[in-house]
Amino acid sequence: MEIYEGDFLPEEVYAPWANMKREELRQRYIDLLNRVCGLHEKQGALKKATECCRKVIAADPLMEESYQKLMTLYFNRNMFNEALRVYEECKKVLKTELKASPDTVTTSLYEKILDKIREKQKT
């Protein structure tokens, strides 16, 4: 993970071979980050897992599952406002890039976080 410094030959925009290699390396990096995130989460190192999710989103901002994971990690750390910010970030990126809205899983998670905030405000 430490040796990945971004896209492979970013200046070679029109070279199909470079694009294929670029996508392969990016996907391998993302897969590795997701595996490491899972390991950190199992060990209870939620801050490190959060950092991995942030790196995945930086590498591929359209990977909605990573936003969901990040929201869940913040939720589990009782960082509800951060989780809501992640939802808003996801919503904005999807709207800007794909003219789409978050899927039902992401929206349900958002609603769960809002419910938890409301519940805490009552006590």
PDB file of N, CA and C in Angstrom:
ATOM      1  N   MET A   1       0.820  -1.194   0.000  1.00  0.00           N
ATOM      2  CA  MET A   1       0.000   0.000   0.000  1.00  0.00           C
ATOM      3  C   MET A   1       0.861   1.254   0.000  1.00  0.00           C
ATOM      4  N   GLU A   2       1.951   1.200   0.725  1.00  0.00           N
ATOM      5  CA  GLU A   2       2.788   2.385   0.861  1.00  0.00           C
ATOM      6  C   GLU A   2       3.470   2.781  -0.445  1.00  0.00           C
ATOM      7  N   ILE A   3       3.668   1.832  -1.352  1.00  0.00           N
ATOM      8  CA  ILE A   3       4.378   2.179  -2.589  1.00  0.00           C
ATOM      9  C   ILE A   3       3.454   2.712  -3.682  1.00  0.00           C
ATOM     10  N   TYR A   4       2.147   2.593  -3.499  1.00  0.00           N
ATOM     11  CA  TYR A   4       1.217   3.130  -4.489  1.00  0.00           C
ATOM     12  C   TYR A   4       1.188   4.645  -4.354  1.00  0.00           C
ATOM     13  N   GLU A   5       1.532   5.325  -5.423  1.00  0.00           N
ATOM     14  CA  GLU A   5       1.601   6.787  -5.392  1.00  0.00           C
ATOM     15  C   GLU A   5       0.600   7.447  -6.329  1.00  0.00           C
ATOM     16  N   GLY A   6      -0.421   6.720  -6.688  1.00  0.00           N
ATOM     17  CA  GLY A   6      -1.423   7.269  -7.592  1.00  0.00           C
ATOM     18  C   GLY A   6      -1.404   6.553  -8.925  1.00  0.00           C
ATOM     19  N   ASP A   7      -2.132   7.115  -9.873  1.00  0.00           N
ATOM     20  CA  ASP A   7      -2.289   6.482 -11.174  1.00  0.00           C
ATOM     21  C   ASP A   7      -0.966   6.247 -11.886  1.00  0.00           C
ATOM     22  N   PHE A   8      -0.875   5.097 -12.525  1.00  0.00           N
ATOM     23  CA  PHE A   8       0.270   4.697 -13.323  1.00  0.00           C
ATOM     24  C   PHE A   8       0.316   5.545 -14.596  1.00  0.00           C
ATOM     25  N   LEU A   9       1.438   6.159 -14.862  1.00  0.00           N
ATOM     26  CA  LEU A   9       1.653   6.986 -16.055  1.00  0.00           C
ATOM     27  C   LEU A   9       0.452   7.880 -16.381  1.00  0.00           C
ATOM     28  N   PRO A  10       0.108   8.794 -15.488  1.00  0.00           N
ATOM     29  CA  PRO A  10      -1.067   9.631 -15.714  1.00  0.00           C
ATOM     30  C   PRO A  10      -0.957  10.516 -16.959  1.00  0.00           C
ATOM     31  N   GLU A  11       0.267  10.761 -17.400  1.00  0.00           N
ATOM     32  CA  GLU A  11       0.451  11.592 -18.597  1.00  0.00           C
ATOM     33  C   GLU A  11       0.135  10.841 -19.890  1.00  0.00           C
ATOM     34  N   GLU A  12       0.046   9.511 -19.822  1.00  0.00           N
ATOM     35  CA  GLU A  12      -0.260   8.692 -21.002  1.00  0.00           C
ATOM     36  C   GLU A  12      -1.768   8.468 -21.113  1.00  0.00           C
ATOM     37  N   VAL A  13      -2.499   9.530 -21.334  1.00  0.00           N
ATOM     38  CA  VAL A  13      -3.956   9.484 -21.342  1.00  0.00           C
ATOM     39  C   VAL A  13      -4.510   8.654 -22.504  1.00  0.00           C
ATOM     40  N   TYR A  14      -3.846   8.686 -23.641  1.00  0.00           N
ATOM     41  CA  TYR A  14      -4.383   8.048 -24.844  1.00  0.00           C
ATOM     42  C   TYR A  14      -3.735   6.712 -25.175  1.00  0.00           C
ATOM     43  N   ALA A  15      -2.930   6.168 -24.298  1.00  0.00           N
ATOM     44  CA  ALA A  15      -2.288   4.879 -24.533  1.00  0.00           C
ATOM     45  C   ALA A  15      -3.124   3.775 -23.886  1.00  0.00           C
ATOM     46  N   PRO A  16      -3.786   2.936 -24.691  1.00  0.00           N
ATOM     47  CA  PRO A  16      -4.654   1.894 -24.120  1.00  0.00           C
ATOM     48  C   PRO A  16      -3.921   0.943 -23.171  1.00  0.00           C
ATOM     49  N   TRP A  17      -2.698   0.594 -23.484  1.00  0.00           N
ATOM     50  CA  TRP A  17      -1.946  -0.324 -22.625  1.00  0.00           C
ATOM     51  C   TRP A  17      -1.707   0.296 -21.248  1.00  0.00           C
ATOM     52  N   ALA A  18      -1.431   1.613 -21.230  1.00  0.00           N
ATOM     53  CA  ALA A  18      -1.193   2.292 -19.957  1.00  0.00           C
ATOM     54  C   ALA A  18      -2.488   2.382 -19.159  1.00  0.00           C
ATOM     55  N   ASN A  19      -3.588   2.615 -19.835  1.00  0.00           N
ATOM     56  CA  ASN A  19      -4.879   2.705 -19.156  1.00  0.00           C
ATOM     57  C   ASN A  19      -5.256   1.371 -18.521  1.00  0.00           C
ATOM     58  N   MET A  20      -5.021   0.282 -19.228  1.00  0.00           N
ATOM     59  CA  MET A  20      -5.327  -1.043 -18.682  1.00  0.00           C
ATOM     60  C   MET A  20      -4.480  -1.320 -17.439  1.00  0.00           C
ATOM     61  N   LYS A  21      -3.202  -1.004 -17.516  1.00  0.00           N
ATOM     62  CA  LYS A  21      -2.308  -1.208 -16.374  1.00  0.00           C
ATOM     63  C   LYS A  21      -2.698  -0.289 -15.216  1.00  0.00           C
ATOM     64  N   ARG A  22      -3.049   0.944 -15.533  1.00  0.00           N
ATOM     65  CA  ARG A  22      -3.471   1.921 -14.533  1.00  0.00           C
ATOM     66  C   ARG A  22      -4.681   1.391 -13.750  1.00  0.00           C
ATOM     67  N   GLU A  23      -5.679   0.903 -14.482  1.00  0.00           N
ATOM     68  CA  GLU A  23      -6.885   0.376 -13.842  1.00  0.00           C
ATOM     69  C   GLU A  23      -6.579  -0.867 -13.018  1.00  0.00           C
ATOM     70  N   GLU A  24      -5.723  -1.732 -13.532  1.00  0.00           N
ATOM     71  CA  GLU A  24      -5.347  -2.942 -12.798  1.00  0.00           C
ATOM     72  C   GLU A  24      -4.660  -2.589 -11.480  1.00  0.00           C
ATOM     73  N   LEU A  25      -3.708  -1.677 -11.524  1.00  0.00           N
ATOM     74  CA  LEU A  25      -2.984  -1.286 -10.315  1.00  0.00           C
ATOM     75  C   LEU A  25      -3.890  -0.575  -9.317  1.00  0.00           C
ATOM     76  N   ARG A  26      -4.765   0.285  -9.820  1.00  0.00           N
ATOM     77  CA  ARG A  26      -5.695   0.983  -8.931  1.00  0.00           C
ATOM     78  C   ARG A  26      -6.610  -0.029  -8.237  1.00  0.00           C
ATOM     79  N   GLN A  27      -7.105  -1.006  -8.993  1.00  0.00           N
ATOM     80  CA  GLN A  27      -8.005  -2.005  -8.409  1.00  0.00           C
ATOM     81  C   GLN A  27      -7.282  -2.871  -7.382  1.00  0.00           C
ATOM     82  N   ARG A  28      -6.050  -3.227  -7.655  1.00  0.00           N
ATOM     83  CA  ARG A  28      -5.276  -4.007  -6.690  1.00  0.00           C
ATOM     84  C   ARG A  28      -5.053  -3.208  -5.402  1.00  0.00           C
ATOM     85  N   TYR A  29      -4.776  -1.934  -5.550  1.00  0.00           N
ATOM     86  CA  TYR A  29      -4.589  -1.046  -4.404  1.00  0.00           C
ATOM     87  C   TYR A  29      -5.867  -0.969  -3.573  1.00  0.00           C
ATOM     88  N   ILE A  30      -6.997  -0.780  -4.243  1.00  0.00           N
ATOM     89  CA  ILE A  30      -8.288  -0.691  -3.566  1.00  0.00           C
ATOM     90  C   ILE A  30      -8.617  -2.006  -2.866  1.00  0.00           C
ATOM     91  N   ASP A  31      -8.382  -3.127  -3.540  1.00  0.00           N
ATOM     92  CA  ASP A  31      -8.636  -4.434  -2.923  1.00  0.00           C
ATOM     93  C   ASP A  31      -7.791  -4.619  -1.665  1.00  0.00           C
ATOM     94  N   LEU A  32      -6.534  -4.238  -1.747  1.00  0.00           N
ATOM     95  CA  LEU A  32      -5.644  -4.351  -0.594  1.00  0.00           C
ATOM     96  C   LEU A  32      -6.120  -3.457   0.552  1.00  0.00           C
ATOM     97  N   LEU A  33      -6.493  -2.230   0.231  1.00  0.00           N
ATOM     98  CA  LEU A  33      -7.008  -1.327   1.264  1.00  0.00           C
ATOM     99  C   LEU A  33      -8.251  -1.900   1.937  1.00  0.00           C
ATOM    100  N   ASN A  34      -9.139  -2.488   1.152  1.00  0.00           N
ATOM    101  CA  ASN A  34     -10.356  -3.073   1.718  1.00  0.00           C
ATOM    102  C   ASN A  34     -10.035  -4.250   2.635  1.00  0.00           C
ATOM    103  N   ARG A  35      -9.066  -5.072   2.236  1.00  0.00           N
ATOM    104  CA  ARG A  35      -8.671  -6.202   3.086  1.00  0.00           C
ATOM    105  C   ARG A  35      -8.043  -5.711   4.387  1.00  0.00           C
ATOM    106  N   VAL A  36      -7.171  -4.726   4.284  1.00  0.00           N
ATOM    107  CA  VAL A  36      -6.522  -4.180   5.477  1.00  0.00           C
ATOM    108  C   VAL A  36      -7.557  -3.506   6.377  1.00  0.00           C
ATOM    109  N   CYS A  37      -8.512  -2.834   5.780  1.00  0.00           N
ATOM    110  CA  CYS A  37      -9.602  -2.215   6.546  1.00  0.00           C
ATOM    111  C   CYS A  37     -10.326  -3.280   7.361  1.00  0.00           C
ATOM    112  N   GLY A  38     -10.663  -4.392   6.736  1.00  0.00           N
ATOM    113  CA  GLY A  38     -11.338  -5.480   7.428  1.00  0.00           C
ATOM    114  C   GLY A  38     -10.511  -6.038   8.574  1.00  0.00           C
ATOM    115  N   LEU A  39      -9.218  -6.174   8.364  1.00  0.00           N
ATOM    116  CA  LEU A  39      -8.331  -6.668   9.424  1.00  0.00           C
ATOM    117  C   LEU A  39      -8.293  -5.696  10.604  1.00  0.00           C
ATOM    118  N   HIS A  40      -8.149  -4.410  10.291  1.00  0.00           N
ATOM    119  CA  HIS A  40      -8.149  -3.403  11.357  1.00  0.00           C
ATOM    120  C   HIS A  40      -9.461  -3.420  12.131  1.00  0.00           C
ATOM    121  N   GLU A  41     -10.543  -3.551  11.395  1.00  0.00           N
ATOM    122  CA  GLU A  41     -11.857  -3.564  12.047  1.00  0.00           C
ATOM    123  C   GLU A  41     -11.982  -4.771  12.980  1.00  0.00           C
ATOM    124  N   LYS A  42     -11.553  -5.938  12.537  1.00  0.00           N
ATOM    125  CA  LYS A  42     -11.613  -7.138  13.378  1.00  0.00           C
ATOM    126  C   LYS A  42     -10.760  -6.996  14.629  1.00  0.00           C
ATOM    127  N   GLN A  43      -9.668  -6.250  14.523  1.00  0.00           N
ATOM    128  CA  GLN A  43      -8.779  -6.049  15.662  1.00  0.00           C
ATOM    129  C   GLN A  43      -9.243  -4.905  16.562  1.00  0.00           C
ATOM    130  N   GLY A  44     -10.310  -4.224  16.151  1.00  0.00           N
ATOM    131  CA  GLY A  44     -10.821  -3.110  16.941  1.00  0.00           C
ATOM    132  C   GLY A  44     -10.102  -1.798  16.694  1.00  0.00           C
ATOM    133  N   ALA A  45      -9.247  -1.776  15.673  1.00  0.00           N
ATOM    134  CA  ALA A  45      -8.518  -0.548  15.328  1.00  0.00           C
ATOM    135  C   ALA A  45      -9.368   0.255  14.339  1.00  0.00           C
ATOM    136  N   LEU A  46     -10.451   0.830  14.857  1.00  0.00           N
ATOM    137  CA  LEU A  46     -11.429   1.489  13.981  1.00  0.00           C
ATOM    138  C   LEU A  46     -10.880   2.757  13.340  1.00  0.00           C
ATOM    139  N   LYS A  47      -9.985   3.442  14.009  1.00  0.00           N
ATOM    140  CA  LYS A  47      -9.393   4.643  13.417  1.00  0.00           C
ATOM    141  C   LYS A  47      -8.561   4.273  12.190  1.00  0.00           C
ATOM    142  N   LYS A  48      -7.783   3.206  12.290  1.00  0.00           N
ATOM    143  CA  LYS A  48      -6.984   2.759  11.144  1.00  0.00           C
ATOM    144  C   LYS A  48      -7.887   2.249  10.021  1.00  0.00           C
ATOM    145  N   ALA A  49      -8.963   1.562  10.379  1.00  0.00           N
ATOM    146  CA  ALA A  49      -9.922   1.096   9.371  1.00  0.00           C
ATOM    147  C   ALA A  49     -10.542   2.289   8.648  1.00  0.00           C
ATOM    148  N   THR A  50     -10.848   3.333   9.404  1.00  0.00           N
ATOM    149  CA  THR A  50     -11.410   4.561   8.838  1.00  0.00           C
ATOM    150  C   THR A  50     -10.442   5.185   7.838  1.00  0.00           C
ATOM    151  N   GLU A  51      -9.174   5.221   8.192  1.00  0.00           N
ATOM    152  CA  GLU A  51      -8.158   5.773   7.293  1.00  0.00           C
ATOM    153  C   GLU A  51      -8.098   4.990   5.985  1.00  0.00           C
ATOM    154  N   CYS A  52      -8.211   3.674   6.064  1.00  0.00           N
ATOM    155  CA  CYS A  52      -8.204   2.846   4.856  1.00  0.00           C
ATOM    156  C   CYS A  52      -9.400   3.173   3.966  1.00  0.00           C
ATOM    157  N   CYS A  53     -10.572   3.329   4.574  1.00  0.00           N
ATOM    158  CA  CYS A  53     -11.773   3.680   3.796  1.00  0.00           C
ATOM    159  C   CYS A  53     -11.606   5.025   3.105  1.00  0.00           C
ATOM    160  N   ARG A  54     -11.036   5.979   3.813  1.00  0.00           N
ATOM    161  CA  ARG A  54     -10.802   7.299   3.220  1.00  0.00           C
ATOM    162  C   ARG A  54      -9.887   7.187   2.004  1.00  0.00           C
ATOM    163  N   LYS A  55      -8.879   6.328   2.091  1.00  0.00           N
ATOM    164  CA  LYS A  55      -7.960   6.138   0.963  1.00  0.00           C
ATOM    165  C   LYS A  55      -8.663   5.476  -0.222  1.00  0.00           C
ATOM    166  N   VAL A  56      -9.562   4.549   0.062  1.00  0.00           N
ATOM    167  CA  VAL A  56     -10.325   3.916  -1.016  1.00  0.00           C
ATOM    168  C   VAL A  56     -11.170   4.968  -1.728  1.00  0.00           C
ATOM    169  N   ILE A  57     -11.839   5.807  -0.966  1.00  0.00           N
ATOM    170  CA  ILE A  57     -12.682   6.850  -1.557  1.00  0.00           C
ATOM    171  C   ILE A  57     -11.841   7.829  -2.369  1.00  0.00           C
ATOM    172  N   ALA A  58     -10.650   8.136  -1.897  1.00  0.00           N
ATOM    173  CA  ALA A  58      -9.762   9.028  -2.647  1.00  0.00           C
ATOM    174  C   ALA A  58      -9.352   8.382  -3.972  1.00  0.00           C
ATOM    175  N   ALA A  59      -9.136   7.075  -3.962  1.00  0.00           N
ATOM    176  CA  ALA A  59      -8.726   6.374  -5.184  1.00  0.00           C
ATOM    177  C   ALA A  59      -9.891   6.184  -6.146  1.00  0.00           C
ATOM    178  N   ASP A  60     -11.090   5.983  -5.604  1.00  0.00           N
ATOM    179  CA  ASP A  60     -12.280   5.800  -6.442  1.00  0.00           C
ATOM    180  C   ASP A  60     -13.489   6.412  -5.745  1.00  0.00           C
ATOM    181  N   PRO A  61     -13.740   7.706  -5.996  1.00  0.00           N
ATOM    182  CA  PRO A  61     -14.819   8.406  -5.312  1.00  0.00           C
ATOM    183  C   PRO A  61     -16.224   7.910  -5.647  1.00  0.00           C
ATOM    184  N   LEU A  62     -16.352   7.030  -6.631  1.00  0.00           N
ATOM    185  CA  LEU A  62     -17.671   6.538  -7.005  1.00  0.00           C
ATOM    186  C   LEU A  62     -18.001   5.188  -6.378  1.00  0.00           C
ATOM    187  N   MET A  63     -17.117   4.670  -5.531  1.00  0.00           N
ATOM    188  CA  MET A  63     -17.328   3.374  -4.894  1.00  0.00           C
ATOM    189  C   MET A  63     -18.222   3.558  -3.664  1.00  0.00           C
ATOM    190  N   GLU A  64     -19.516   3.446  -3.886  1.00  0.00           N
ATOM    191  CA  GLU A  64     -20.489   3.759  -2.840  1.00  0.00           C
ATOM    192  C   GLU A  64     -20.365   2.839  -1.625  1.00  0.00           C
ATOM    193  N   GLU A  65     -19.948   1.606  -1.840  1.00  0.00           N
ATOM    194  CA  GLU A  65     -19.778   0.681  -0.716  1.00  0.00           C
ATOM    195  C   GLU A  65     -18.761   1.205   0.293  1.00  0.00           C
ATOM    196  N   SER A  66     -17.780   1.938  -0.184  1.00  0.00           N
ATOM    197  CA  SER A  66     -16.772   2.491   0.724  1.00  0.00           C
ATOM    198  C   SER A  66     -17.353   3.604   1.588  1.00  0.00           C
ATOM    199  N   TYR A  67     -18.253   4.380   1.033  1.00  0.00           N
ATOM    200  CA  TYR A  67     -18.943   5.394   1.833  1.00  0.00           C
ATOM    201  C   TYR A  67     -19.784   4.714   2.908  1.00  0.00           C
ATOM    202  N   GLN A  68     -20.455   3.631   2.530  1.00  0.00           N
ATOM    203  CA  GLN A  68     -21.268   2.899   3.499  1.00  0.00           C
ATOM    204  C   GLN A  68     -20.397   2.365   4.633  1.00  0.00           C
ATOM    205  N   LYS A  69     -19.276   1.787   4.281  1.00  0.00           N
ATOM    206  CA  LYS A  69     -18.358   1.244   5.282  1.00  0.00           C
ATOM    207  C   LYS A  69     -17.853   2.350   6.201  1.00  0.00           C
ATOM    208  N   LEU A  70     -17.479   3.474   5.606  1.00  0.00           N
ATOM    209  CA  LEU A  70     -16.970   4.591   6.386  1.00  0.00           C
ATOM    210  C   LEU A  70     -18.047   5.138   7.320  1.00  0.00           C
ATOM    211  N   MET A  71     -19.267   5.245   6.839  1.00  0.00           N
ATOM    212  CA  MET A  71     -20.372   5.692   7.688  1.00  0.00           C
ATOM    213  C   MET A  71     -20.554   4.739   8.865  1.00  0.00           C
ATOM    214  N   THR A  72     -20.471   3.445   8.596  1.00  0.00           N
ATOM    215  CA  THR A  72     -20.620   2.437   9.641  1.00  0.00           C
ATOM    216  C   THR A  72     -19.493   2.538  10.667  1.00  0.00           C
ATOM    217  N   LEU A  73     -18.280   2.727  10.187  1.00  0.00           N
ATOM    218  CA  LEU A  73     -17.145   2.856  11.104  1.00  0.00           C
ATOM    219  C   LEU A  73     -17.311   4.078  12.012  1.00  0.00           C
ATOM    220  N   TYR A  74     -17.708   5.196  11.427  1.00  0.00           N
ATOM    221  CA  TYR A  74     -17.947   6.390  12.255  1.00  0.00           C
ATOM    222  C   TYR A  74     -19.095   6.147  13.240  1.00  0.00           C
ATOM    223  N   PHE A  75     -20.140   5.502  12.773  1.00  0.00           N
ATOM    224  CA  PHE A  75     -21.278   5.185  13.634  1.00  0.00           C
ATOM    225  C   PHE A  75     -20.820   4.346  14.826  1.00  0.00           C
ATOM    226  N   ASN A  76     -20.011   3.337  14.562  1.00  0.00           N
ATOM    227  CA  ASN A  76     -19.522   2.454  15.622  1.00  0.00           C
ATOM    228  C   ASN A  76     -18.574   3.158  16.596  1.00  0.00           C
ATOM    229  N   ARG A  77     -18.025   4.280  16.159  1.00  0.00           N
ATOM    230  CA  ARG A  77     -17.158   5.085  17.034  1.00  0.00           C
ATOM    231  C   ARG A  77     -17.949   6.233  17.680  1.00  0.00           C
ATOM    232  N   ASN A  78     -19.285   6.215  17.515  1.00  0.00           N
ATOM    233  CA  ASN A  78     -20.170   7.272  18.031  1.00  0.00           C
ATOM    234  C   ASN A  78     -19.835   8.644  17.459  1.00  0.00           C
ATOM    235  N   MET A  79     -19.341   8.662  16.248  1.00  0.00           N
ATOM    236  CA  MET A  79     -19.023   9.913  15.545  1.00  0.00           C
ATOM    237  C   MET A  79     -20.127  10.164  14.509  1.00  0.00           C
ATOM    238  N   PHE A  80     -21.304  10.449  15.012  1.00  0.00           N
ATOM    239  CA  PHE A  80     -22.488  10.526  14.168  1.00  0.00           C
ATOM    240  C   PHE A  80     -22.437  11.672  13.161  1.00  0.00           C
ATOM    241  N   ASN A  81     -21.932  12.818  13.580  1.00  0.00           N
ATOM    242  CA  ASN A  81     -21.849  13.948  12.650  1.00  0.00           C
ATOM    243  C   ASN A  81     -20.897  13.649  11.500  1.00  0.00           C
ATOM    244  N   GLU A  82     -19.796  12.964  11.792  1.00  0.00           N
ATOM    245  CA  GLU A  82     -18.869  12.566  10.723  1.00  0.00           C
ATOM    246  C   GLU A  82     -19.559  11.610   9.753  1.00  0.00           C
ATOM    247  N   ALA A  83     -20.324  10.678  10.300  1.00  0.00           N
ATOM    248  CA  ALA A  83     -21.047   9.725   9.454  1.00  0.00           C
ATOM    249  C   ALA A  83     -22.030  10.453   8.534  1.00  0.00           C
ATOM    250  N   LEU A  84     -22.698  11.467   9.074  1.00  0.00           N
ATOM    251  CA  LEU A  84     -23.631  12.247   8.249  1.00  0.00           C
ATOM    252  C   LEU A  84     -22.890  13.033   7.175  1.00  0.00           C
ATOM    253  N   ARG A  85     -21.717  13.550   7.507  1.00  0.00           N
ATOM    254  CA  ARG A  85     -20.909  14.265   6.506  1.00  0.00           C
ATOM    255  C   ARG A  85     -20.497  13.339   5.370  1.00  0.00           C
ATOM    256  N   VAL A  86     -20.167  12.111   5.711  1.00  0.00           N
ATOM    257  CA  VAL A  86     -19.792  11.137   4.681  1.00  0.00           C
ATOM    258  C   VAL A  86     -20.970  10.888   3.743  1.00  0.00           C
ATOM    259  N   TYR A  87     -22.163  10.783   4.307  1.00  0.00           N
ATOM    260  CA  TYR A  87     -23.354  10.610   3.472  1.00  0.00           C
ATOM    261  C   TYR A  87     -23.514  11.783   2.513  1.00  0.00           C
ATOM    262  N   GLU A  88     -23.373  12.991   3.033  1.00  0.00           N
ATOM    263  CA  GLU A  88     -23.519  14.180   2.191  1.00  0.00           C
ATOM    264  C   GLU A  88     -22.441  14.226   1.103  1.00  0.00           C
ATOM    265  N   GLU A  89     -21.238  13.824   1.453  1.00  0.00           N
ATOM    266  CA  GLU A  89     -20.141  13.757   0.479  1.00  0.00           C
ATOM    267  C   GLU A  89     -20.480  12.751  -0.627  1.00  0.00           C
ATOM    268  N   CYS A  90     -20.966  11.587  -0.226  1.00  0.00           N
ATOM    269  CA  CYS A  90     -21.360  10.553  -1.181  1.00  0.00           C
ATOM    270  C   CYS A  90     -22.463  11.067  -2.104  1.00  0.00           C
ATOM    271  N   LYS A  91     -23.467  11.659  -1.506  1.00  0.00           N
ATOM    272  CA  LYS A  91     -24.610  12.196  -2.259  1.00  0.00           C
ATOM    273  C   LYS A  91     -24.156  13.221  -3.296  1.00  0.00           C
ATOM    274  N   LYS A  92     -23.258  14.104  -2.883  1.00  0.00           N
ATOM    275  CA  LYS A  92     -22.761  15.147  -3.783  1.00  0.00           C
ATOM    276  C   LYS A  92     -21.959  14.553  -4.945  1.00  0.00           C
ATOM    277  N   VAL A  93     -21.076  13.619  -4.639  1.00  0.00           N
ATOM    278  CA  VAL A  93     -20.244  13.004  -5.686  1.00  0.00           C
ATOM    279  C   VAL A  93     -21.115  12.250  -6.687  1.00  0.00           C
ATOM    280  N   LEU A  94     -22.053  11.466  -6.190  1.00  0.00           N
ATOM    281  CA  LEU A  94     -22.924  10.707  -7.089  1.00  0.00           C
ATOM    282  C   LEU A  94     -23.768  11.621  -7.969  1.00  0.00           C
ATOM    283  N   LYS A  95     -24.259  12.694  -7.388  1.00  0.00           N
ATOM    284  CA  LYS A  95     -25.071  13.633  -8.168  1.00  0.00           C
ATOM    285  C   LYS A  95     -24.225  14.327  -9.232  1.00  0.00           C
ATOM    286  N   THR A  96     -23.036  14.781  -8.841  1.00  0.00           N
ATOM    287  CA  THR A  96     -22.164  15.511  -9.758  1.00  0.00           C
ATOM    288  C   THR A  96     -21.642  14.620 -10.882  1.00  0.00           C
ATOM    289  N   GLU A  97     -21.169  13.442 -10.511  1.00  0.00           N
ATOM    290  CA  GLU A  97     -20.499  12.575 -11.480  1.00  0.00           C
ATOM    291  C   GLU A  97     -21.449  11.690 -12.282  1.00  0.00           C
ATOM    292  N   LEU A  98     -22.509  11.207 -11.636  1.00  0.00           N
ATOM    293  CA  LEU A  98     -23.385  10.229 -12.291  1.00  0.00           C
ATOM    294  C   LEU A  98     -24.832  10.686 -12.439  1.00  0.00           C
ATOM    295  N   LYS A  99     -25.135  11.873 -11.906  1.00  0.00           N
ATOM    296  CA  LYS A  99     -26.528  12.351 -11.889  1.00  0.00           C
ATOM    297  C   LYS A  99     -27.428  11.303 -11.222  1.00  0.00           C
ATOM    298  N   ALA A 100     -26.920  10.726 -10.128  1.00  0.00           N
ATOM    299  CA  ALA A 100     -27.627   9.674  -9.411  1.00  0.00           C
ATOM    300  C   ALA A 100     -27.732  10.024  -7.934  1.00  0.00           C
ATOM    301  N   SER A 101     -28.582   9.276  -7.254  1.00  0.00           N
ATOM    302  CA  SER A 101     -28.741   9.419  -5.809  1.00  0.00           C
ATOM    303  C   SER A 101     -28.140   8.198  -5.129  1.00  0.00           C
ATOM    304  N   PRO A 102     -27.837   8.316  -3.845  1.00  0.00           N
ATOM    305  CA  PRO A 102     -27.345   7.139  -3.113  1.00  0.00           C
ATOM    306  C   PRO A 102     -28.369   6.001  -3.160  1.00  0.00           C
ATOM    307  N   ASP A 103     -27.871   4.764  -3.130  1.00  0.00           N
ATOM    308  CA  ASP A 103     -28.792   3.625  -3.177  1.00  0.00           C
ATOM    309  C   ASP A 103     -29.507   3.447  -1.838  1.00  0.00           C
ATOM    310  N   THR A 104     -30.415   2.507  -1.800  1.00  0.00           N
ATOM    311  CA  THR A 104     -31.252   2.324  -0.615  1.00  0.00           C
ATOM    312  C   THR A 104     -30.454   1.900   0.611  1.00  0.00           C
ATOM    313  N   VAL A 105     -29.379   1.142   0.423  1.00  0.00           N
ATOM    314  CA  VAL A 105     -28.562   0.731   1.569  1.00  0.00           C
ATOM    315  C   VAL A 105     -27.922   1.950   2.222  1.00  0.00           C
ATOM    316  N   THR A 106     -27.377   2.836   1.397  1.00  0.00           N
ATOM    317  CA  THR A 106     -26.735   4.040   1.912  1.00  0.00           C
ATOM    318  C   THR A 106     -27.754   4.934   2.601  1.00  0.00           C
ATOM    319  N   THR A 107     -28.903   5.095   1.988  1.00  0.00           N
ATOM    320  CA  THR A 107     -29.958   5.935   2.556  1.00  0.00           C
ATOM    321  C   THR A 107     -30.489   5.340   3.860  1.00  0.00           C
ATOM    322  N   SER A 108     -30.638   4.033   3.919  1.00  0.00           N
ATOM    323  CA  SER A 108     -31.094   3.377   5.153  1.00  0.00           C
ATOM    324  C   SER A 108     -30.098   3.577   6.277  1.00  0.00           C
ATOM    325  N   LEU A 109     -28.835   3.486   5.957  1.00  0.00           N
ATOM    326  CA  LEU A 109     -27.792   3.712   6.955  1.00  0.00           C
ATOM    327  C   LEU A 109     -27.852   5.152   7.474  1.00  0.00           C
ATOM    328  N   TYR A 110     -28.048   6.084   6.558  1.00  0.00           N
ATOM    329  CA  TYR A 110     -28.202   7.494   6.908  1.00  0.00           C
ATOM    330  C   TYR A 110     -29.379   7.675   7.878  1.00  0.00           C
ATOM    331  N   GLU A 111     -30.507   7.049   7.559  1.00  0.00           N
ATOM    332  CA  GLU A 111     -31.689   7.143   8.417  1.00  0.00           C
ATOM    333  C   GLU A 111     -31.425   6.533   9.794  1.00  0.00           C
ATOM    334  N   LYS A 112     -30.693   5.431   9.835  1.00  0.00           N
ATOM    335  CA  LYS A 112     -30.339   4.789  11.108  1.00  0.00           C
ATOM    336  C   LYS A 112     -29.506   5.731  11.978  1.00  0.00           C
ATOM    337  N   ILE A 113     -28.597   6.439  11.344  1.00  0.00           N
ATOM    338  CA  ILE A 113     -27.754   7.394  12.076  1.00  0.00           C
ATOM    339  C   ILE A 113     -28.603   8.543  12.611  1.00  0.00           C
ATOM    340  N   LEU A 114     -29.485   9.054  11.776  1.00  0.00           N
ATOM    341  CA  LEU A 114     -30.384  10.120  12.226  1.00  0.00           C
ATOM    342  C   LEU A 114     -31.252   9.662  13.395  1.00  0.00           C
ATOM    343  N   ASP A 115     -31.753   8.431  13.326  1.00  0.00           N
ATOM    344  CA  ASP A 115     -32.564   7.886  14.420  1.00  0.00           C
ATOM    345  C   ASP A 115     -31.757   7.821  15.713  1.00  0.00           C
ATOM    346  N   LYS A 116     -30.504   7.412  15.613  1.00  0.00           N
ATOM    347  CA  LYS A 116     -29.644   7.321  16.794  1.00  0.00           C
ATOM    348  C   LYS A 116     -29.405   8.711  17.393  1.00  0.00           C
ATOM    349  N   ILE A 117     -29.212   9.699  16.537  1.00  0.00           N
ATOM    350  CA  ILE A 117     -29.017  11.075  17.018  1.00  0.00           C
ATOM    351  C   ILE A 117     -30.278  11.554  17.731  1.00  0.00           C
ATOM    352  N   ARG A 118     -31.434  11.314  17.145  1.00  0.00           N
ATOM    353  CA  ARG A 118     -32.713  11.707  17.764  1.00  0.00           C
ATOM    354  C   ARG A 118     -32.894  11.030  19.120  1.00  0.00           C
ATOM    355  N   GLU A 119     -32.549   9.744  19.151  1.00  0.00           N
ATOM    356  CA  GLU A 119     -32.662   8.973  20.395  1.00  0.00           C
ATOM    357  C   GLU A 119     -31.754   9.564  21.482  1.00  0.00           C
ATOM    358  N   LYS A 120     -30.545   9.927  21.123  1.00  0.00           N
ATOM    359  CA  LYS A 120     -29.602  10.511  22.089  1.00  0.00           C
ATOM    360  C   LYS A 120     -30.078  11.885  22.568  1.00  0.00           C
ATOM    361  N   GLN A 121     -30.716  12.636  21.663  1.00  0.00           N
ATOM    362  CA  GLN A 121     -31.204  13.965  22.033  1.00  0.00           C
ATOM    363  C   GLN A 121     -32.358  13.893  23.042  1.00  0.00           C
ATOM    364  N   LYS A 122     -33.099  12.808  23.018  1.00  0.00           N
ATOM    365  CA  LYS A 122     -34.219  12.622  23.940  1.00  0.00           C
ATOM    366  C   LYS A 122     -33.753  12.347  25.358  1.00  0.00           C
ATOM    367  N   THR A 123     -32.549  11.780  25.481  1.00  0.00           N
ATOM    368  CA  THR A 123     -32.054  11.419  26.815  1.00  0.00           C
ATOM    369  C   THR A 123     -31.229  12.512  27.438  1.00  0.00           C
TER     370      THR A 123
END
